[in-house]
Amino acid sequence: MVANEHPLLTVTSQLDSICEQTLANLTADSVDVGIATIQQLLAVRQVLLDDWNREPIDGFLELNEQVQKKMERIFTHTAEQVRSVRKKQVASQGYRQRADVQGSFFDSRE
């Protein structure tokens, strides 16, 4: 942290860094870890935002916009993964139900 850097800029820089790391390795485990860290930093940042007197901070708006875009990409990717898993679960459940029905049909014929 630079001696005169605003804490809000510092936390947003940390957010940018973790978003970059998460985007670089979008596996299920890294996304979970990245999102947990992002949530922690967002909580800290929200406190700083609440206390901010709205005086301009050099570079903050640009960095904040960059972070928001990265978070959108991470959460879009995560949502796509969730949809994919749900489709597979529904398909698997349907297959199991059909197999159960067929199995019970053959069991009833004995």
PDB file of N, CA and C in Angstrom:
ATOM      1  N   MET A   1       0.853  -1.176   0.000  1.00  0.00           N
ATOM      2  CA  MET A   1       0.000   0.000   0.000  1.00  0.00           C
ATOM      3  C   MET A   1       0.895   1.235   0.000  1.00  0.00           C
ATOM      4  N   VAL A   2       0.607   2.162  -0.864  1.00  0.00           N
ATOM      5  CA  VAL A   2       1.333   3.426  -0.909  1.00  0.00           C
ATOM      6  C   VAL A   2       0.927   4.230   0.317  1.00  0.00           C
ATOM      7  N   ALA A   3       1.868   4.971   0.900  1.00  0.00           N
ATOM      8  CA  ALA A   3       1.626   5.686   2.159  1.00  0.00           C
ATOM      9  C   ALA A   3       0.382   6.566   2.113  1.00  0.00           C
ATOM     10  N   ASN A   4       0.156   7.260   1.012  1.00  0.00           N
ATOM     11  CA  ASN A   4      -0.974   8.185   0.926  1.00  0.00           C
ATOM     12  C   ASN A   4      -2.166   7.607   0.165  1.00  0.00           C
ATOM     13  N   GLU A   5      -2.133   6.333  -0.158  1.00  0.00           N
ATOM     14  CA  GLU A   5      -3.219   5.739  -0.930  1.00  0.00           C
ATOM     15  C   GLU A   5      -4.466   5.619  -0.061  1.00  0.00           C
ATOM     16  N   HIS A   6      -5.591   5.970  -0.625  1.00  0.00           N
ATOM     17  CA  HIS A   6      -6.872   5.876   0.081  1.00  0.00           C
ATOM     18  C   HIS A   6      -7.200   4.393   0.324  1.00  0.00           C
ATOM     19  N   PRO A   7      -7.676   4.039   1.526  1.00  0.00           N
ATOM     20  CA  PRO A   7      -7.999   2.633   1.829  1.00  0.00           C
ATOM     21  C   PRO A   7      -9.000   2.021   0.842  1.00  0.00           C
ATOM     22  N   LEU A   8      -9.910   2.827   0.335  1.00  0.00           N
ATOM     23  CA  LEU A   8     -10.884   2.338  -0.632  1.00  0.00           C
ATOM     24  C   LEU A   8     -10.192   1.897  -1.922  1.00  0.00           C
ATOM     25  N   LEU A   9      -9.183   2.634  -2.320  1.00  0.00           N
ATOM     26  CA  LEU A   9      -8.412   2.284  -3.510  1.00  0.00           C
ATOM     27  C   LEU A   9      -7.608   1.005  -3.255  1.00  0.00           C
ATOM     28  N   THR A  10      -7.084   0.865  -2.060  1.00  0.00           N
ATOM     29  CA  THR A  10      -6.310  -0.330  -1.705  1.00  0.00           C
ATOM     30  C   THR A  10      -7.183  -1.582  -1.765  1.00  0.00           C
ATOM     31  N   VAL A  11      -8.350  -1.532  -1.151  1.00  0.00           N
ATOM     32  CA  VAL A  11      -9.251  -2.685  -1.133  1.00  0.00           C
ATOM     33  C   VAL A  11      -9.739  -3.001  -2.544  1.00  0.00           C
ATOM     34  N   THR A  12     -10.031  -1.979  -3.328  1.00  0.00           N
ATOM     35  CA  THR A  12     -10.484  -2.200  -4.698  1.00  0.00           C
ATOM     36  C   THR A  12      -9.361  -2.804  -5.536  1.00  0.00           C
ATOM     37  N   SER A  13      -8.128  -2.419  -5.279  1.00  0.00           N
ATOM     38  CA  SER A  13      -6.978  -3.027  -5.965  1.00  0.00           C
ATOM     39  C   SER A  13      -6.850  -4.502  -5.594  1.00  0.00           C
ATOM     40  N   GLN A  14      -7.095  -4.816  -4.325  1.00  0.00           N
ATOM     41  CA  GLN A  14      -7.068  -6.215  -3.896  1.00  0.00           C
ATOM     42  C   GLN A  14      -8.177  -7.009  -4.584  1.00  0.00           C
ATOM     43  N   LEU A  15      -9.344  -6.402  -4.693  1.00  0.00           N
ATOM     44  CA  LEU A  15     -10.456  -7.034  -5.402  1.00  0.00           C
ATOM     45  C   LEU A  15     -10.080  -7.307  -6.850  1.00  0.00           C
ATOM     46  N   ASP A  16      -9.456  -6.320  -7.489  1.00  0.00           N
ATOM     47  CA  ASP A  16      -9.033  -6.468  -8.877  1.00  0.00           C
ATOM     48  C   ASP A  16      -8.069  -7.641  -9.012  1.00  0.00           C
ATOM     49  N   SER A  17      -7.147  -7.741  -8.091  1.00  0.00           N
ATOM     50  CA  SER A  17      -6.148  -8.810  -8.128  1.00  0.00           C
ATOM     51  C   SER A  17      -6.790 -10.186  -7.976  1.00  0.00           C
ATOM     52  N   ILE A  18      -7.694 -10.345  -7.016  1.00  0.00           N
ATOM     53  CA  ILE A  18      -8.329 -11.645  -6.813  1.00  0.00           C
ATOM     54  C   ILE A  18      -9.252 -11.984  -7.976  1.00  0.00           C
ATOM     55  N   CYS A  19      -9.898 -10.995  -8.561  1.00  0.00           N
ATOM     56  CA  CYS A  19     -10.729 -11.237  -9.746  1.00  0.00           C
ATOM     57  C   CYS A  19      -9.856 -11.720 -10.902  1.00  0.00           C
ATOM     58  N   GLU A  20      -8.723 -11.094 -11.079  1.00  0.00           N
ATOM     59  CA  GLU A  20      -7.794 -11.478 -12.146  1.00  0.00           C
ATOM     60  C   GLU A  20      -7.316 -12.914 -11.942  1.00  0.00           C
ATOM     61  N   GLN A  21      -6.968 -13.268 -10.717  1.00  0.00           N
ATOM     62  CA  GLN A  21      -6.524 -14.631 -10.413  1.00  0.00           C
ATOM     63  C   GLN A  21      -7.641 -15.639 -10.661  1.00  0.00           C
ATOM     64  N   THR A  22      -8.843 -15.291 -10.266  1.00  0.00           N
ATOM     65  CA  THR A  22      -9.982 -16.189 -10.440  1.00  0.00           C
ATOM     66  C   THR A  22     -10.288 -16.380 -11.919  1.00  0.00           C
ATOM     67  N   LEU A  23     -10.245 -15.298 -12.688  1.00  0.00           N
ATOM     68  CA  LEU A  23     -10.496 -15.402 -14.123  1.00  0.00           C
ATOM     69  C   LEU A  23      -9.415 -16.212 -14.834  1.00  0.00           C
ATOM     70  N   ALA A  24      -8.196 -16.159 -14.339  1.00  0.00           N
ATOM     71  CA  ALA A  24      -7.091 -16.882 -14.970  1.00  0.00           C
ATOM     72  C   ALA A  24      -7.227 -18.391 -14.797  1.00  0.00           C
ATOM     73  N   ASN A  25      -7.978 -18.813 -13.803  1.00  0.00           N
ATOM     74  CA  ASN A  25      -8.097 -20.239 -13.515  1.00  0.00           C
ATOM     75  C   ASN A  25      -9.535 -20.560 -13.129  1.00  0.00           C
ATOM     76  N   LEU A  26     -10.407 -20.617 -14.102  1.00  0.00           N
ATOM     77  CA  LEU A  26     -11.837 -20.793 -13.836  1.00  0.00           C
ATOM     78  C   LEU A  26     -12.220 -22.266 -13.665  1.00  0.00           C
ATOM     79  N   THR A  27     -11.659 -22.914 -12.662  1.00  0.00           N
ATOM     80  CA  THR A  27     -12.097 -24.256 -12.311  1.00  0.00           C
ATOM     81  C   THR A  27     -13.060 -24.125 -11.139  1.00  0.00           C
ATOM     82  N   ALA A  28     -13.778 -25.169 -10.872  1.00  0.00           N
ATOM     83  CA  ALA A  28     -14.785 -25.105  -9.805  1.00  0.00           C
ATOM     84  C   ALA A  28     -14.173 -24.714  -8.462  1.00  0.00           C
ATOM     85  N   ASP A  29     -13.035 -25.334  -8.113  1.00  0.00           N
ATOM     86  CA  ASP A  29     -12.419 -25.042  -6.819  1.00  0.00           C
ATOM     87  C   ASP A  29     -11.913 -23.612  -6.738  1.00  0.00           C
ATOM     88  N   SER A  30     -11.247 -23.153  -7.795  1.00  0.00           N
ATOM     89  CA  SER A  30     -10.689 -21.798  -7.741  1.00  0.00           C
ATOM     90  C   SER A  30     -11.791 -20.752  -7.743  1.00  0.00           C
ATOM     91  N   VAL A  31     -12.886 -21.025  -8.435  1.00  0.00           N
ATOM     92  CA  VAL A  31     -14.003 -20.079  -8.441  1.00  0.00           C
ATOM     93  C   VAL A  31     -14.602 -19.978  -7.045  1.00  0.00           C
ATOM     94  N   ASP A  32     -14.769 -21.116  -6.363  1.00  0.00           N
ATOM     95  CA  ASP A  32     -15.314 -21.093  -5.000  1.00  0.00           C
ATOM     96  C   ASP A  32     -14.428 -20.290  -4.062  1.00  0.00           C
ATOM     97  N   VAL A  33     -13.119 -20.532  -4.133  1.00  0.00           N
ATOM     98  CA  VAL A  33     -12.173 -19.801  -3.288  1.00  0.00           C
ATOM     99  C   VAL A  33     -12.173 -18.326  -3.661  1.00  0.00           C
ATOM    100  N   GLY A  34     -12.155 -18.043  -4.967  1.00  0.00           N
ATOM    101  CA  GLY A  34     -12.161 -16.656  -5.436  1.00  0.00           C
ATOM    102  C   GLY A  34     -13.403 -15.911  -4.996  1.00  0.00           C
ATOM    103  N   ILE A  35     -14.552 -16.549  -5.120  1.00  0.00           N
ATOM    104  CA  ILE A  35     -15.808 -15.898  -4.741  1.00  0.00           C
ATOM    105  C   ILE A  35     -15.848 -15.649  -3.235  1.00  0.00           C
ATOM    106  N   ALA A  36     -15.359 -16.585  -2.447  1.00  0.00           N
ATOM    107  CA  ALA A  36     -15.325 -16.381  -0.990  1.00  0.00           C
ATOM    108  C   ALA A  36     -14.450 -15.180  -0.638  1.00  0.00           C
ATOM    109  N   THR A  37     -13.302 -15.080  -1.282  1.00  0.00           N
ATOM    110  CA  THR A  37     -12.402 -13.949  -1.030  1.00  0.00           C
ATOM    111  C   THR A  37     -13.019 -12.651  -1.521  1.00  0.00           C
ATOM    112  N   ILE A  38     -13.645 -12.691  -2.686  1.00  0.00           N
ATOM    113  CA  ILE A  38     -14.314 -11.502  -3.230  1.00  0.00           C
ATOM    114  C   ILE A  38     -15.394 -11.025  -2.262  1.00  0.00           C
ATOM    115  N   GLN A  39     -16.172 -11.951  -1.721  1.00  0.00           N
ATOM    116  CA  GLN A  39     -17.233 -11.573  -0.780  1.00  0.00           C
ATOM    117  C   GLN A  39     -16.662 -10.904   0.465  1.00  0.00           C
ATOM    118  N   GLN A  40     -15.541 -11.425   0.961  1.00  0.00           N
ATOM    119  CA  GLN A  40     -14.910 -10.818   2.135  1.00  0.00           C
ATOM    120  C   GLN A  40     -14.439  -9.401   1.822  1.00  0.00           C
ATOM    121  N   LEU A  41     -13.790  -9.232   0.676  1.00  0.00           N
ATOM    122  CA  LEU A  41     -13.294  -7.909   0.298  1.00  0.00           C
ATOM    123  C   LEU A  41     -14.442  -6.942   0.018  1.00  0.00           C
ATOM    124  N   LEU A  42     -15.531  -7.446  -0.554  1.00  0.00           N
ATOM    125  CA  LEU A  42     -16.689  -6.579  -0.801  1.00  0.00           C
ATOM    126  C   LEU A  42     -17.288  -6.071   0.508  1.00  0.00           C
ATOM    127  N   ALA A  43     -17.287  -6.907   1.529  1.00  0.00           N
ATOM    128  CA  ALA A  43     -17.804  -6.477   2.837  1.00  0.00           C
ATOM    129  C   ALA A  43     -16.938  -5.363   3.417  1.00  0.00           C
ATOM    130  N   VAL A  44     -15.617  -5.528   3.332  1.00  0.00           N
ATOM    131  CA  VAL A  44     -14.694  -4.493   3.813  1.00  0.00           C
ATOM    132  C   VAL A  44     -14.880  -3.220   3.000  1.00  0.00           C
ATOM    133  N   ARG A  45     -14.980  -3.391   1.694  1.00  0.00           N
ATOM    134  CA  ARG A  45     -15.122  -2.229   0.815  1.00  0.00           C
ATOM    135  C   ARG A  45     -16.427  -1.487   1.079  1.00  0.00           C
ATOM    136  N   GLN A  46     -17.494  -2.219   1.385  1.00  0.00           N
ATOM    137  CA  GLN A  46     -18.782  -1.567   1.652  1.00  0.00           C
ATOM    138  C   GLN A  46     -18.691  -0.661   2.869  1.00  0.00           C
ATOM    139  N   VAL A  47     -17.984  -1.107   3.899  1.00  0.00           N
ATOM    140  CA  VAL A  47     -17.789  -0.271   5.091  1.00  0.00           C
ATOM    141  C   VAL A  47     -17.049   1.005   4.703  1.00  0.00           C
ATOM    142  N   LEU A  48     -16.006   0.857   3.891  1.00  0.00           N
ATOM    143  CA  LEU A  48     -15.245   2.028   3.445  1.00  0.00           C
ATOM    144  C   LEU A  48     -16.105   2.952   2.581  1.00  0.00           C
ATOM    145  N   LEU A  49     -16.931   2.371   1.721  1.00  0.00           N
ATOM    146  CA  LEU A  49     -17.822   3.187   0.886  1.00  0.00           C
ATOM    147  C   LEU A  49     -18.821   3.957   1.745  1.00  0.00           C
ATOM    148  N   ASP A  50     -19.335   3.298   2.776  1.00  0.00           N
ATOM    149  CA  ASP A  50     -20.297   3.959   3.664  1.00  0.00           C
ATOM    150  C   ASP A  50     -19.673   5.152   4.387  1.00  0.00           C
ATOM    151  N   ASP A  51     -18.379   5.045   4.698  1.00  0.00           N
ATOM    152  CA  ASP A  51     -17.683   6.123   5.412  1.00  0.00           C
ATOM    153  C   ASP A  51     -17.053   7.164   4.487  1.00  0.00           C
ATOM    154  N   TRP A  52     -17.053   6.897   3.201  1.00  0.00           N
ATOM    155  CA  TRP A  52     -16.386   7.773   2.235  1.00  0.00           C
ATOM    156  C   TRP A  52     -17.141   9.096   2.120  1.00  0.00           C
ATOM    157  N   ASN A  53     -16.409  10.192   2.142  1.00  0.00           N
ATOM    158  CA  ASN A  53     -17.040  11.512   2.062  1.00  0.00           C
ATOM    159  C   ASN A  53     -17.270  11.976   0.622  1.00  0.00           C
ATOM    160  N   ARG A  54     -17.047  11.099  -0.317  1.00  0.00           N
ATOM    161  CA  ARG A  54     -17.278  11.327  -1.754  1.00  0.00           C
ATOM    162  C   ARG A  54     -16.308  12.313  -2.393  1.00  0.00           C
ATOM    163  N   GLU A  55     -15.219  12.599  -1.701  1.00  0.00           N
ATOM    164  CA  GLU A  55     -14.182  13.396  -2.351  1.00  0.00           C
ATOM    165  C   GLU A  55     -13.524  12.511  -3.399  1.00  0.00           C
ATOM    166  N   PRO A  56     -13.145  13.093  -4.530  1.00  0.00           N
ATOM    167  CA  PRO A  56     -12.544  12.288  -5.600  1.00  0.00           C
ATOM    168  C   PRO A  56     -11.283  11.551  -5.132  1.00  0.00           C
ATOM    169  N   ILE A  57     -11.149  10.320  -5.602  1.00  0.00           N
ATOM    170  CA  ILE A  57      -9.958   9.513  -5.338  1.00  0.00           C
ATOM    171  C   ILE A  57      -9.364   9.186  -6.700  1.00  0.00           C
ATOM    172  N   ASP A  58      -8.133   9.632  -6.921  1.00  0.00           N
ATOM    173  CA  ASP A  58      -7.488   9.410  -8.215  1.00  0.00           C
ATOM    174  C   ASP A  58      -7.474   7.933  -8.584  1.00  0.00           C
ATOM    175  N   GLY A  59      -8.030   7.609  -9.747  1.00  0.00           N
ATOM    176  CA  GLY A  59      -7.994   6.258 -10.280  1.00  0.00           C
ATOM    177  C   GLY A  59      -9.059   5.323  -9.755  1.00  0.00           C
ATOM    178  N   PHE A  60      -9.847   5.758  -8.776  1.00  0.00           N
ATOM    179  CA  PHE A  60     -10.814   4.848  -8.168  1.00  0.00           C
ATOM    180  C   PHE A  60     -11.936   4.462  -9.128  1.00  0.00           C
ATOM    181  N   LEU A  61     -12.523   5.431  -9.794  1.00  0.00           N
ATOM    182  CA  LEU A  61     -13.664   5.125 -10.664  1.00  0.00           C
ATOM    183  C   LEU A  61     -13.284   4.157 -11.774  1.00  0.00           C
ATOM    184  N   GLU A  62     -12.122   4.372 -12.382  1.00  0.00           N
ATOM    185  CA  GLU A  62     -11.667   3.495 -13.458  1.00  0.00           C
ATOM    186  C   GLU A  62     -11.410   2.083 -12.931  1.00  0.00           C
ATOM    187  N   LEU A  63     -10.726   2.007 -11.795  1.00  0.00           N
ATOM    188  CA  LEU A  63     -10.425   0.708 -11.200  1.00  0.00           C
ATOM    189  C   LEU A  63     -11.707   0.004 -10.779  1.00  0.00           C
ATOM    190  N   ASN A  64     -12.634   0.738 -10.208  1.00  0.00           N
ATOM    191  CA  ASN A  64     -13.905   0.169  -9.775  1.00  0.00           C
ATOM    192  C   ASN A  64     -14.679  -0.399 -10.965  1.00  0.00           C
ATOM    193  N   GLU A  65     -14.693   0.315 -12.068  1.00  0.00           N
ATOM    194  CA  GLU A  65     -15.381  -0.154 -13.274  1.00  0.00           C
ATOM    195  C   GLU A  65     -14.726  -1.435 -13.799  1.00  0.00           C
ATOM    196  N   GLN A  66     -13.409  -1.464 -13.781  1.00  0.00           N
ATOM    197  CA  GLN A  66     -12.655  -2.641 -14.219  1.00  0.00           C
ATOM    198  C   GLN A  66     -12.991  -3.848 -13.343  1.00  0.00           C
ATOM    199  N   VAL A  67     -13.052  -3.640 -12.043  1.00  0.00           N
ATOM    200  CA  VAL A  67     -13.377  -4.716 -11.103  1.00  0.00           C
ATOM    201  C   VAL A  67     -14.799  -5.217 -11.343  1.00  0.00           C
ATOM    202  N   GLN A  68     -15.738  -4.320 -11.557  1.00  0.00           N
ATOM    203  CA  GLN A  68     -17.126  -4.723 -11.792  1.00  0.00           C
ATOM    204  C   GLN A  68     -17.240  -5.603 -13.033  1.00  0.00           C
ATOM    205  N   LYS A  69     -16.522  -5.250 -14.089  1.00  0.00           N
ATOM    206  CA  LYS A  69     -16.559  -6.059 -15.314  1.00  0.00           C
ATOM    207  C   LYS A  69     -15.996  -7.453 -15.065  1.00  0.00           C
ATOM    208  N   LYS A  70     -14.915  -7.528 -14.305  1.00  0.00           N
ATOM    209  CA  LYS A  70     -14.316  -8.832 -14.000  1.00  0.00           C
ATOM    210  C   LYS A  70     -15.253  -9.668 -13.138  1.00  0.00           C
ATOM    211  N   MET A  71     -15.888  -9.043 -12.154  1.00  0.00           N
ATOM    212  CA  MET A  71     -16.823  -9.782 -11.302  1.00  0.00           C
ATOM    213  C   MET A  71     -18.007 -10.287 -12.125  1.00  0.00           C
ATOM    214  N   GLU A  72     -18.485  -9.490 -13.062  1.00  0.00           N
ATOM    215  CA  GLU A  72     -19.577  -9.930 -13.932  1.00  0.00           C
ATOM    216  C   GLU A  72     -19.171 -11.168 -14.715  1.00  0.00           C
ATOM    217  N   ARG A  73     -17.949 -11.185 -15.238  1.00  0.00           N
ATOM    218  CA  ARG A  73     -17.467 -12.350 -15.989  1.00  0.00           C
ATOM    219  C   ARG A  73     -17.388 -13.585 -15.095  1.00  0.00           C
ATOM    220  N   ILE A  74     -16.909 -13.399 -13.870  1.00  0.00           N
ATOM    221  CA  ILE A  74     -16.802 -14.525 -12.934  1.00  0.00           C
ATOM    222  C   ILE A  74     -18.189 -15.067 -12.609  1.00  0.00           C
ATOM    223  N   PHE A  75     -19.124 -14.185 -12.286  1.00  0.00           N
ATOM    224  CA  PHE A  75     -20.453 -14.637 -11.891  1.00  0.00           C
ATOM    225  C   PHE A  75     -21.245 -15.190 -13.073  1.00  0.00           C
ATOM    226  N   THR A  76     -21.003 -14.681 -14.272  1.00  0.00           N
ATOM    227  CA  THR A  76     -21.632 -15.251 -15.468  1.00  0.00           C
ATOM    228  C   THR A  76     -21.129 -16.671 -15.677  1.00  0.00           C
ATOM    229  N   HIS A  77     -19.826 -16.853 -15.557  1.00  0.00           N
ATOM    230  CA  HIS A  77     -19.234 -18.187 -15.701  1.00  0.00           C
ATOM    231  C   HIS A  77     -19.809 -19.139 -14.647  1.00  0.00           C
ATOM    232  N   THR A  78     -19.901 -18.675 -13.415  1.00  0.00           N
ATOM    233  CA  THR A  78     -20.418 -19.497 -12.327  1.00  0.00           C
ATOM    234  C   THR A  78     -21.879 -19.869 -12.578  1.00  0.00           C
ATOM    235  N   ALA A  79     -22.670 -18.917 -13.038  1.00  0.00           N
ATOM    236  CA  ALA A  79     -24.081 -19.190 -13.336  1.00  0.00           C
ATOM    237  C   ALA A  79     -24.204 -20.229 -14.450  1.00  0.00           C
ATOM    238  N   GLU A  80     -23.340 -20.144 -15.457  1.00  0.00           N
ATOM    239  CA  GLU A  80     -23.362 -21.125 -16.543  1.00  0.00           C
ATOM    240  C   GLU A  80     -23.006 -22.513 -16.020  1.00  0.00           C
ATOM    241  N   GLN A  81     -22.035 -22.579 -15.109  1.00  0.00           N
ATOM    242  CA  GLN A  81     -21.672 -23.868 -14.513  1.00  0.00           C
ATOM    243  C   GLN A  81     -22.843 -24.453 -13.728  1.00  0.00           C
ATOM    244  N   VAL A  82     -23.516 -23.618 -12.959  1.00  0.00           N
ATOM    245  CA  VAL A  82     -24.656 -24.082 -12.160  1.00  0.00           C
ATOM    246  C   VAL A  82     -25.759 -24.604 -13.073  1.00  0.00           C
ATOM    247  N   ARG A  83     -26.063 -23.869 -14.150  1.00  0.00           N
ATOM    248  CA  ARG A  83     -27.090 -24.321 -15.092  1.00  0.00           C
ATOM    249  C   ARG A  83     -26.711 -25.664 -15.708  1.00  0.00           C
ATOM    250  N   SER A  84     -25.460 -25.824 -16.064  1.00  0.00           N
ATOM    251  CA  SER A  84     -24.990 -27.068 -16.663  1.00  0.00           C
ATOM    252  C   SER A  84     -25.138 -28.234 -15.690  1.00  0.00           C
ATOM    253  N   VAL A  85     -24.752 -28.022 -14.450  1.00  0.00           N
ATOM    254  CA  VAL A  85     -24.869 -29.073 -13.435  1.00  0.00           C
ATOM    255  C   VAL A  85     -26.332 -29.422 -13.212  1.00  0.00           C
ATOM    256  N   ARG A  86     -27.188 -28.421 -13.152  1.00  0.00           N
ATOM    257  CA  ARG A  86     -28.622 -28.686 -12.934  1.00  0.00           C
ATOM    258  C   ARG A  86     -29.219 -29.480 -14.091  1.00  0.00           C
ATOM    259  N   LYS A  87     -28.840 -29.137 -15.321  1.00  0.00           N
ATOM    260  CA  LYS A  87     -29.342 -29.892 -16.476  1.00  0.00           C
ATOM    261  C   LYS A  87     -28.930 -31.355 -16.370  1.00  0.00           C
ATOM    262  N   LYS A  88     -27.680 -31.586 -15.986  1.00  0.00           N
ATOM    263  CA  LYS A  88     -27.190 -32.960 -15.846  1.00  0.00           C
ATOM    264  C   LYS A  88     -27.928 -33.678 -14.726  1.00  0.00           C
ATOM    265  N   GLN A  89     -28.204 -32.977 -13.626  1.00  0.00           N
ATOM    266  CA  GLN A  89     -28.918 -33.596 -12.510  1.00  0.00           C
ATOM    267  C   GLN A  89     -30.338 -33.968 -12.917  1.00  0.00           C
ATOM    268  N   VAL A  90     -31.009 -33.073 -13.635  1.00  0.00           N
ATOM    269  CA  VAL A  90     -32.378 -33.338 -14.081  1.00  0.00           C
ATOM    270  C   VAL A  90     -32.389 -34.513 -15.046  1.00  0.00           C
ATOM    271  N   ALA A  91     -31.446 -34.531 -15.985  1.00  0.00           N
ATOM    272  CA  ALA A  91     -31.372 -35.631 -16.943  1.00  0.00           C
ATOM    273  C   ALA A  91     -31.089 -36.948 -16.225  1.00  0.00           C
ATOM    274  N   SER A  92     -30.190 -36.927 -15.266  1.00  0.00           N
ATOM    275  CA  SER A  92     -29.839 -38.124 -14.506  1.00  0.00           C
ATOM    276  C   SER A  92     -31.028 -38.600 -13.676  1.00  0.00           C
ATOM    277  N   GLN A  93     -31.744 -37.653 -13.073  1.00  0.00           N
ATOM    278  CA  GLN A  93     -32.910 -38.005 -12.264  1.00  0.00           C
ATOM    279  C   GLN A  93     -33.985 -38.631 -13.154  1.00  0.00           C
ATOM    280  N   GLY A  94     -34.202 -38.063 -14.336  1.00  0.00           N
ATOM    281  CA  GLY A  94     -35.182 -38.623 -15.268  1.00  0.00           C
ATOM    282  C   GLY A  94     -34.805 -40.029 -15.690  1.00  0.00           C
ATOM    283  N   TYR A  95     -33.529 -40.245 -15.948  1.00  0.00           N
ATOM    284  CA  TYR A  95     -33.050 -41.572 -16.330  1.00  0.00           C
ATOM    285  C   TYR A  95     -33.289 -42.573 -15.200  1.00  0.00           C
ATOM    286  N   ARG A  96     -32.958 -42.166 -13.964  1.00  0.00           N
ATOM    287  CA  ARG A  96     -33.154 -43.057 -12.816  1.00  0.00           C
ATOM    288  C   ARG A  96     -34.634 -43.384 -12.615  1.00  0.00           C
ATOM    289  N   GLN A  97     -35.500 -42.385 -12.805  1.00  0.00           N
ATOM    290  CA  GLN A  97     -36.932 -42.630 -12.638  1.00  0.00           C
ATOM    291  C   GLN A  97     -37.431 -43.623 -13.684  1.00  0.00           C
ATOM    292  N   ARG A  98     -36.979 -43.462 -14.939  1.00  0.00           N
ATOM    293  CA  ARG A  98     -37.388 -44.405 -15.992  1.00  0.00           C
ATOM    294  C   ARG A  98     -36.866 -45.807 -15.676  1.00  0.00           C
ATOM    295  N   ALA A  99     -35.641 -45.889 -15.191  1.00  0.00           N
ATOM    296  CA  ALA A  99     -35.059 -47.188 -14.842  1.00  0.00           C
ATOM    297  C   ALA A  99     -35.825 -47.815 -13.685  1.00  0.00           C
ATOM    298  N   ASP A 100     -36.233 -47.023 -12.709  1.00  0.00           N
ATOM    299  CA  ASP A 100     -37.013 -47.536 -11.581  1.00  0.00           C
ATOM    300  C   ASP A 100     -38.353 -48.073 -12.056  1.00  0.00           C
ATOM    301  N   VAL A 101     -39.008 -47.349 -12.959  1.00  0.00           N
ATOM    302  CA  VAL A 101     -40.306 -47.784 -13.488  1.00  0.00           C
ATOM    303  C   VAL A 101     -40.134 -49.087 -14.250  1.00  0.00           C
ATOM    304  N   GLN A 102     -39.114 -49.149 -15.110  1.00  0.00           N
ATOM    305  CA  GLN A 102     -38.878 -50.374 -15.871  1.00  0.00           C
ATOM    306  C   GLN A 102     -38.523 -51.524 -14.937  1.00  0.00           C
ATOM    307  N   GLY A 103     -37.718 -51.244 -13.928  1.00  0.00           N
ATOM    308  CA  GLY A 103     -37.336 -52.281 -12.971  1.00  0.00           C
ATOM    309  C   GLY A 103     -38.534 -52.797 -12.201  1.00  0.00           C
ATOM    310  N   SER A 104     -39.418 -51.897 -11.787  1.00  0.00           N
ATOM    311  CA  SER A 104     -40.594 -52.332 -11.034  1.00  0.00           C
ATOM    312  C   SER A 104     -41.552 -53.107 -11.936  1.00  0.00           C
ATOM    313  N   PHE A 105     -41.589 -52.803 -13.234  1.00  0.00           N
ATOM    314  CA  PHE A 105     -42.428 -53.542 -14.175  1.00  0.00           C
ATOM    315  C   PHE A 105     -41.952 -54.989 -14.247  1.00  0.00           C
ATOM    316  N   PHE A 106     -40.634 -55.156 -14.384  1.00  0.00           N
ATOM    317  CA  PHE A 106     -40.105 -56.514 -14.472  1.00  0.00           C
ATOM    318  C   PHE A 106     -40.238 -57.244 -13.142  1.00  0.00           C
ATOM    319  N   ASP A 107     -40.106 -56.530 -12.029  1.00  0.00           N
ATOM    320  CA  ASP A 107     -40.281 -57.153 -10.718  1.00  0.00           C
ATOM    321  C   ASP A 107     -41.714 -57.641 -10.538  1.00  0.00           C
ATOM    322  N   SER A 108     -42.690 -56.896 -11.053  1.00  0.00           N
ATOM    323  CA  SER A 108     -44.100 -57.251 -10.869  1.00  0.00           C
ATOM    324  C   SER A 108     -44.488 -58.448 -11.734  1.00  0.00           C
ATOM    325  N   ARG A 109     -43.712 -58.748 -12.763  1.00  0.00           N
ATOM    326  CA  ARG A 109     -44.037 -59.865 -13.652  1.00  0.00           C
ATOM    327  C   ARG A 109     -43.587 -61.192 -13.058  1.00  0.00           C
ATOM    328  N   GLU A 110     -42.751 -61.150 -12.040  1.00  0.00           N
ATOM    329  CA  GLU A 110     -42.241 -62.407 -11.478  1.00  0.00           C
ATOM    330  C   GLU A 110     -43.242 -63.116 -10.629  1.00  0.00           C
TER     331      GLU A 110
END
